[in-house]
Structure formats: structure tokens, C-alpha cells
């Protein structure tokens, strides 16, 4: 049996709709997943602002750092961080790592919305 210190903490990925349905605890660090909304990505040096969408709802994100090379509008992303003053302040930004990968949780949400197609 693993000691409590060595247990891996599972972090579920929430969509913007999940957050609207059940707000996270104040200061809670969690993962937000969806698509980078078309036309929403703004850059000012290493400050990035964009919307993560599940096509029903959008959530604003701010990230200070360098985003992955595959980060693009219209593609899947997962961001880790917390909500501060209504904005998701990300400490990490992940982008799909090849042409077919997208996290299963994000795929499920997008399939429910009718906007996901295999291989997209």
C-alpha cells in the first residue's frame, strides 16, 4: 500500500459548463479543459489571454509564460490554475501533442455538444 505522501492526486478536468454548475472552492487549484475559442487569443509579451470554450460556455484565462508550440485557436487545451476575480489564472498550459490527441474528458464534453469529430 502506498503511503499517503506518495499517493498520486487525481485532478479531474472541468469544462466551463462544469464550473458554472458547481463553482470550485475558493483558491482551489484545478484543471480546465476545452477548446481555445477562435478569435480570443491575445498576447502581450509573455502574457496570454484567451477563452476556453466547450461551445456552450466560455471561461477567460490569463497565463504568464511561454505557451506550447502546438497551442492554437480552435484546438484542445488543458490549463492548470485557480480562479481569481472571475478569471482563470493558469500556472500551466498544455496543448494537444499530435494531430489526433485530445484528453478523453474534453472529447466527451465536445461529443455531448455535437462538435467533435474523430481525427479533428
N, C-alpha and C. Protein backbone atom coordinates (compact mmCIF):
# COMPACT_ATOMS: atom_id res chain seq x y z
N UNK A 1 0.83 -1.18 0.00
CA UNK A 1 0.00 0.00 0.00
C UNK A 1 0.88 1.25 0.00
N UNK A 2 0.50 2.21 -0.80
CA UNK A 2 1.27 3.46 -0.88
C UNK A 2 1.05 4.30 0.36
N UNK A 3 2.10 4.95 0.77
CA UNK A 3 1.96 5.87 1.89
C UNK A 3 1.17 7.09 1.42
N UNK A 4 0.49 7.78 2.33
CA UNK A 4 -0.29 8.96 1.93
C UNK A 4 0.55 10.01 1.21
N UNK A 5 1.83 10.10 1.55
CA UNK A 5 2.68 11.10 0.91
C UNK A 5 3.01 10.75 -0.52
N UNK A 6 2.95 9.47 -0.88
CA UNK A 6 3.31 9.05 -2.23
C UNK A 6 2.10 8.81 -3.13
N UNK A 7 0.90 8.95 -2.59
CA UNK A 7 -0.29 8.76 -3.42
C UNK A 7 -0.35 9.86 -4.46
N UNK A 8 -0.74 9.46 -5.63
CA UNK A 8 -0.90 10.44 -6.70
C UNK A 8 -2.28 11.07 -6.59
N UNK A 9 -2.32 12.36 -6.61
CA UNK A 9 -3.59 13.07 -6.51
C UNK A 9 -4.21 13.17 -7.89
N UNK A 10 -5.44 12.72 -8.00
CA UNK A 10 -6.14 12.76 -9.28
C UNK A 10 -6.76 14.14 -9.44
N UNK A 11 -6.50 14.74 -10.57
CA UNK A 11 -7.10 16.03 -10.89
C UNK A 11 -8.03 15.84 -12.08
N UNK A 12 -9.31 15.99 -11.84
CA UNK A 12 -10.27 15.90 -12.92
C UNK A 12 -10.22 17.18 -13.75
N UNK A 13 -10.60 17.04 -14.98
CA UNK A 13 -10.63 18.20 -15.86
C UNK A 13 -12.07 18.70 -15.91
N UNK A 14 -12.24 19.98 -15.66
CA UNK A 14 -13.57 20.58 -15.68
C UNK A 14 -13.73 21.42 -16.94
N UNK A 15 -14.93 21.46 -17.45
CA UNK A 15 -15.26 22.31 -18.58
C UNK A 15 -15.86 23.62 -18.04
N UNK A 16 -15.98 24.64 -18.88
CA UNK A 16 -16.66 25.86 -18.42
C UNK A 16 -18.08 25.58 -17.91
N UNK A 17 -18.79 24.66 -18.54
CA UNK A 17 -20.14 24.31 -18.08
C UNK A 17 -20.09 23.67 -16.70
N UNK A 18 -19.09 22.83 -16.45
CA UNK A 18 -18.93 22.22 -15.11
C UNK A 18 -18.73 23.29 -14.05
N UNK A 19 -17.92 24.29 -14.37
CA UNK A 19 -17.64 25.36 -13.41
C UNK A 19 -18.90 26.17 -13.11
N UNK A 20 -19.70 26.42 -14.14
CA UNK A 20 -20.96 27.16 -13.95
C UNK A 20 -21.93 26.36 -13.08
N UNK A 21 -21.93 25.05 -13.25
CA UNK A 21 -22.84 24.19 -12.49
C UNK A 21 -22.41 24.03 -11.04
N UNK A 22 -21.12 23.98 -10.81
CA UNK A 22 -20.60 23.82 -9.45
C UNK A 22 -19.27 24.56 -9.35
N UNK A 23 -19.33 25.71 -8.72
CA UNK A 23 -18.14 26.55 -8.59
C UNK A 23 -17.08 25.85 -7.73
N UNK A 24 -15.82 25.98 -8.10
CA UNK A 24 -14.75 25.41 -7.27
C UNK A 24 -14.64 26.16 -5.94
N UNK A 25 -14.02 25.51 -4.98
CA UNK A 25 -13.76 26.16 -3.69
C UNK A 25 -12.81 27.34 -3.90
N UNK A 26 -12.92 28.33 -3.06
CA UNK A 26 -12.03 29.50 -3.16
C UNK A 26 -10.58 29.05 -3.05
N UNK A 27 -9.76 29.47 -4.00
CA UNK A 27 -8.34 29.14 -4.00
C UNK A 27 -8.01 27.74 -4.51
N UNK A 28 -9.03 26.96 -4.88
CA UNK A 28 -8.79 25.58 -5.33
C UNK A 28 -8.03 25.57 -6.65
N UNK A 29 -6.98 24.77 -6.71
CA UNK A 29 -6.23 24.57 -7.95
C UNK A 29 -6.87 23.38 -8.67
N UNK A 30 -7.19 23.58 -9.96
CA UNK A 30 -7.81 22.51 -10.73
C UNK A 30 -7.46 22.69 -12.20
N UNK A 31 -7.93 21.76 -13.03
CA UNK A 31 -7.66 21.80 -14.47
C UNK A 31 -8.93 22.14 -15.22
N UNK A 32 -8.80 23.06 -16.16
CA UNK A 32 -9.89 23.49 -17.02
C UNK A 32 -9.56 23.03 -18.43
N UNK A 33 -10.51 22.38 -19.10
CA UNK A 33 -10.25 21.87 -20.44
C UNK A 33 -11.33 22.26 -21.41
N UNK A 34 -10.95 22.36 -22.66
CA UNK A 34 -11.87 22.69 -23.74
C UNK A 34 -11.09 23.11 -24.97
N UNK A 35 -11.70 23.91 -25.77
CA UNK A 35 -11.06 24.45 -26.97
C UNK A 35 -10.66 25.89 -26.73
N UNK A 36 -9.58 26.32 -27.36
CA UNK A 36 -9.22 27.73 -27.35
C UNK A 36 -10.16 28.40 -28.35
N UNK A 37 -11.01 29.28 -27.86
CA UNK A 37 -12.03 29.89 -28.70
C UNK A 37 -11.41 30.73 -29.81
N UNK A 38 -11.91 30.52 -31.02
CA UNK A 38 -11.45 31.28 -32.18
C UNK A 38 -11.59 32.78 -31.92
N UNK A 39 -10.53 33.53 -32.25
CA UNK A 39 -10.55 34.98 -32.14
C UNK A 39 -10.35 35.52 -30.74
N UNK A 40 -10.07 34.65 -29.77
CA UNK A 40 -9.97 35.13 -28.39
C UNK A 40 -8.55 35.28 -27.87
N UNK A 41 -7.57 34.76 -28.56
CA UNK A 41 -6.19 34.73 -28.04
C UNK A 41 -5.50 36.06 -28.27
N UNK A 42 -5.13 36.73 -27.17
CA UNK A 42 -4.39 37.98 -27.22
C UNK A 42 -3.06 37.79 -26.51
N UNK A 43 -1.99 38.34 -27.09
CA UNK A 43 -0.66 38.23 -26.49
C UNK A 43 -0.08 39.61 -26.26
N UNK A 44 0.53 39.75 -25.10
CA UNK A 44 1.26 40.97 -24.77
C UNK A 44 2.56 40.50 -24.13
N UNK A 45 3.58 40.32 -24.94
CA UNK A 45 4.83 39.72 -24.45
C UNK A 45 4.56 38.28 -24.05
N UNK A 46 4.85 37.96 -22.80
CA UNK A 46 4.60 36.61 -22.31
C UNK A 46 3.27 36.49 -21.58
N UNK A 47 2.43 37.52 -21.62
CA UNK A 47 1.09 37.45 -21.04
C UNK A 47 0.12 37.04 -22.14
N UNK A 48 -0.59 35.95 -21.89
CA UNK A 48 -1.56 35.42 -22.86
C UNK A 48 -2.94 35.47 -22.23
N UNK A 49 -3.90 35.97 -23.00
CA UNK A 49 -5.30 35.97 -22.58
C UNK A 49 -6.09 35.27 -23.67
N UNK A 50 -6.98 34.37 -23.26
CA UNK A 50 -7.80 33.64 -24.22
C UNK A 50 -9.01 33.07 -23.50
N UNK A 51 -9.95 32.58 -24.28
CA UNK A 51 -11.13 31.93 -23.72
C UNK A 51 -11.04 30.43 -23.96
N UNK A 52 -11.36 29.65 -22.95
CA UNK A 52 -11.54 28.21 -23.10
C UNK A 52 -13.04 27.99 -23.22
N UNK A 53 -13.45 27.28 -24.25
CA UNK A 53 -14.88 27.07 -24.51
C UNK A 53 -15.21 25.59 -24.61
N UNK A 54 -16.43 25.25 -24.23
CA UNK A 54 -16.97 23.92 -24.51
C UNK A 54 -18.12 24.06 -25.50
N UNK A 55 -18.19 25.19 -26.15
CA UNK A 55 -19.16 25.64 -27.15
C UNK A 55 -20.47 26.12 -26.55
N UNK A 56 -20.75 25.79 -25.29
CA UNK A 56 -21.91 26.36 -24.61
C UNK A 56 -21.50 27.57 -23.79
N UNK A 57 -20.41 27.41 -23.05
CA UNK A 57 -19.92 28.48 -22.19
C UNK A 57 -18.43 28.68 -22.43
N UNK A 58 -17.97 29.90 -22.16
CA UNK A 58 -16.55 30.26 -22.28
C UNK A 58 -16.05 30.64 -20.89
N UNK A 59 -14.75 30.47 -20.68
CA UNK A 59 -14.15 30.93 -19.43
C UNK A 59 -12.86 31.65 -19.77
N UNK A 60 -12.68 32.88 -19.24
CA UNK A 60 -11.46 33.64 -19.54
C UNK A 60 -10.26 33.08 -18.79
N UNK A 61 -9.13 33.06 -19.49
CA UNK A 61 -7.87 32.54 -18.93
C UNK A 61 -6.78 33.58 -19.14
N UNK A 62 -5.91 33.69 -18.14
CA UNK A 62 -4.70 34.52 -18.25
C UNK A 62 -3.52 33.65 -17.88
N UNK A 63 -2.47 33.72 -18.67
CA UNK A 63 -1.27 32.92 -18.43
C UNK A 63 -0.04 33.78 -18.69
N UNK A 64 0.91 33.75 -17.75
CA UNK A 64 2.18 34.45 -17.92
C UNK A 64 3.25 33.39 -18.16
N UNK A 65 3.75 33.35 -19.36
CA UNK A 65 4.77 32.37 -19.71
C UNK A 65 4.76 32.10 -21.20
N UNK A 66 5.43 31.05 -21.57
CA UNK A 66 5.50 30.65 -22.98
C UNK A 66 4.55 29.48 -23.19
N UNK A 67 3.64 29.64 -24.15
CA UNK A 67 2.69 28.56 -24.43
C UNK A 67 3.36 27.52 -25.33
N UNK A 68 2.87 26.27 -25.32
CA UNK A 68 3.45 25.22 -26.17
C UNK A 68 3.35 25.58 -27.65
N UNK A 69 4.25 25.04 -28.45
CA UNK A 69 4.26 25.30 -29.90
C UNK A 69 2.93 24.93 -30.56
N UNK A 70 2.25 23.89 -30.07
CA UNK A 70 1.00 23.43 -30.69
C UNK A 70 -0.23 24.17 -30.18
N UNK A 71 -0.06 25.16 -29.33
CA UNK A 71 -1.18 25.94 -28.82
C UNK A 71 -1.72 26.81 -29.94
N UNK A 72 -3.00 26.65 -30.25
CA UNK A 72 -3.64 27.40 -31.34
C UNK A 72 -5.11 27.62 -31.02
N UNK A 73 -5.69 28.64 -31.61
CA UNK A 73 -7.13 28.83 -31.51
C UNK A 73 -7.82 27.68 -32.22
N UNK A 74 -8.92 27.22 -31.65
CA UNK A 74 -9.70 26.14 -32.26
C UNK A 74 -9.21 24.75 -31.89
N UNK A 75 -8.13 24.65 -31.11
CA UNK A 75 -7.62 23.33 -30.73
C UNK A 75 -7.81 23.10 -29.24
N UNK A 76 -7.67 21.85 -28.83
CA UNK A 76 -7.86 21.47 -27.45
C UNK A 76 -6.73 21.96 -26.55
N UNK A 77 -7.10 22.31 -25.33
CA UNK A 77 -6.11 22.73 -24.34
C UNK A 77 -6.58 22.32 -22.96
N UNK A 78 -5.63 22.16 -22.07
CA UNK A 78 -5.89 21.98 -20.65
C UNK A 78 -5.00 22.97 -19.92
N UNK A 79 -5.61 23.72 -19.01
CA UNK A 79 -4.85 24.69 -18.22
C UNK A 79 -5.02 24.34 -16.74
N UNK A 80 -3.95 24.48 -16.00
CA UNK A 80 -3.98 24.22 -14.56
C UNK A 80 -3.83 25.56 -13.85
N UNK A 81 -4.63 25.77 -12.81
CA UNK A 81 -4.55 27.02 -12.07
C UNK A 81 -5.72 27.19 -11.14
N UNK A 82 -6.08 28.45 -10.91
CA UNK A 82 -7.18 28.77 -9.99
C UNK A 82 -7.91 30.01 -10.50
N UNK A 83 -9.12 30.19 -10.02
CA UNK A 83 -9.91 31.35 -10.39
C UNK A 83 -9.60 32.49 -9.43
N UNK A 84 -9.29 33.66 -10.01
CA UNK A 84 -9.05 34.88 -9.24
C UNK A 84 -9.84 36.00 -9.89
N UNK A 85 -10.76 36.58 -9.15
CA UNK A 85 -11.59 37.69 -9.65
C UNK A 85 -12.27 37.34 -10.97
N UNK A 86 -12.79 36.11 -11.07
CA UNK A 86 -13.54 35.70 -12.25
C UNK A 86 -12.71 35.29 -13.44
N UNK A 87 -11.40 35.26 -13.29
CA UNK A 87 -10.51 34.85 -14.39
C UNK A 87 -9.71 33.64 -13.94
N UNK A 88 -9.57 32.67 -14.83
CA UNK A 88 -8.75 31.50 -14.52
C UNK A 88 -7.29 31.90 -14.73
N UNK A 89 -6.53 31.95 -13.66
CA UNK A 89 -5.11 32.31 -13.74
C UNK A 89 -4.33 31.01 -13.80
N UNK A 90 -3.77 30.74 -14.98
CA UNK A 90 -3.11 29.47 -15.24
C UNK A 90 -1.65 29.49 -14.82
N UNK A 91 -1.23 28.38 -14.24
CA UNK A 91 0.18 28.19 -13.93
C UNK A 91 0.82 27.25 -14.94
N UNK A 92 -0.01 26.56 -15.74
CA UNK A 92 0.47 25.63 -16.75
C UNK A 92 -0.53 25.59 -17.89
N UNK A 93 -0.04 25.54 -19.12
CA UNK A 93 -0.88 25.42 -20.31
C UNK A 93 -0.38 24.23 -21.11
N UNK A 94 -1.29 23.32 -21.42
CA UNK A 94 -0.96 22.16 -22.24
C UNK A 94 -1.74 22.24 -23.54
N UNK A 95 -1.15 21.76 -24.62
CA UNK A 95 -1.82 21.70 -25.91
C UNK A 95 -1.73 20.26 -26.40
N UNK A 96 -2.62 19.92 -27.30
CA UNK A 96 -2.57 18.55 -27.82
C UNK A 96 -1.18 18.29 -28.37
N UNK A 97 -0.69 17.05 -28.20
CA UNK A 97 0.70 16.80 -28.57
C UNK A 97 0.88 16.18 -29.94
N UNK A 98 -0.20 15.87 -30.62
CA UNK A 98 -0.10 15.46 -32.03
C UNK A 98 -1.44 15.73 -32.69
N UNK A 99 -1.58 15.32 -33.92
CA UNK A 99 -2.77 15.67 -34.68
C UNK A 99 -4.04 14.96 -34.24
N UNK A 100 -3.93 13.89 -33.44
CA UNK A 100 -5.14 13.17 -33.07
C UNK A 100 -5.43 13.17 -31.58
N UNK A 101 -4.51 13.64 -30.76
CA UNK A 101 -4.69 13.58 -29.32
C UNK A 101 -5.55 14.72 -28.78
N UNK A 102 -6.47 14.36 -27.93
CA UNK A 102 -7.18 15.32 -27.10
C UNK A 102 -7.61 14.55 -25.86
N UNK A 103 -7.52 15.12 -24.68
CA UNK A 103 -7.89 14.39 -23.47
C UNK A 103 -9.30 13.84 -23.54
N UNK A 104 -9.51 12.64 -23.02
CA UNK A 104 -10.80 11.95 -23.09
C UNK A 104 -11.92 12.79 -22.47
N UNK A 105 -11.63 13.48 -21.36
CA UNK A 105 -12.67 14.29 -20.72
C UNK A 105 -13.13 15.42 -21.63
N UNK A 106 -12.20 16.03 -22.35
CA UNK A 106 -12.55 17.11 -23.27
C UNK A 106 -13.33 16.56 -24.45
N UNK A 107 -12.89 15.43 -24.98
CA UNK A 107 -13.60 14.79 -26.10
C UNK A 107 -15.04 14.49 -25.69
N UNK A 108 -15.24 13.94 -24.49
CA UNK A 108 -16.59 13.60 -24.04
C UNK A 108 -17.49 14.82 -24.01
N UNK A 109 -16.99 15.94 -23.47
CA UNK A 109 -17.79 17.17 -23.40
C UNK A 109 -18.13 17.64 -24.81
N UNK A 110 -17.14 17.65 -25.71
CA UNK A 110 -17.36 18.13 -27.07
C UNK A 110 -18.30 17.21 -27.85
N UNK A 111 -18.22 15.89 -27.60
CA UNK A 111 -19.15 14.96 -28.25
C UNK A 111 -20.57 15.23 -27.78
N UNK A 112 -20.74 15.49 -26.47
CA UNK A 112 -22.07 15.80 -25.94
C UNK A 112 -22.64 17.04 -26.63
N UNK A 113 -21.78 17.98 -27.01
CA UNK A 113 -22.22 19.22 -27.66
C UNK A 113 -22.40 19.02 -29.17
N UNK A 114 -21.97 17.86 -29.69
CA UNK A 114 -22.12 17.58 -31.11
C UNK A 114 -21.10 18.28 -32.00
N UNK A 115 -19.96 18.71 -31.43
CA UNK A 115 -18.99 19.44 -32.23
C UNK A 115 -17.66 18.70 -32.43
N UNK A 116 -17.54 17.51 -31.88
CA UNK A 116 -16.29 16.76 -32.02
C UNK A 116 -16.43 15.71 -33.10
N UNK A 117 -15.44 15.64 -33.96
CA UNK A 117 -15.39 14.60 -34.98
C UNK A 117 -14.08 13.87 -34.84
N UNK A 118 -14.11 12.54 -34.97
CA UNK A 118 -12.89 11.75 -34.88
C UNK A 118 -11.84 12.30 -35.83
N UNK A 119 -10.60 12.40 -35.34
CA UNK A 119 -9.49 12.88 -36.16
C UNK A 119 -9.41 14.38 -36.26
N UNK A 120 -10.32 15.10 -35.54
CA UNK A 120 -10.24 16.57 -35.62
C UNK A 120 -9.44 17.13 -34.50
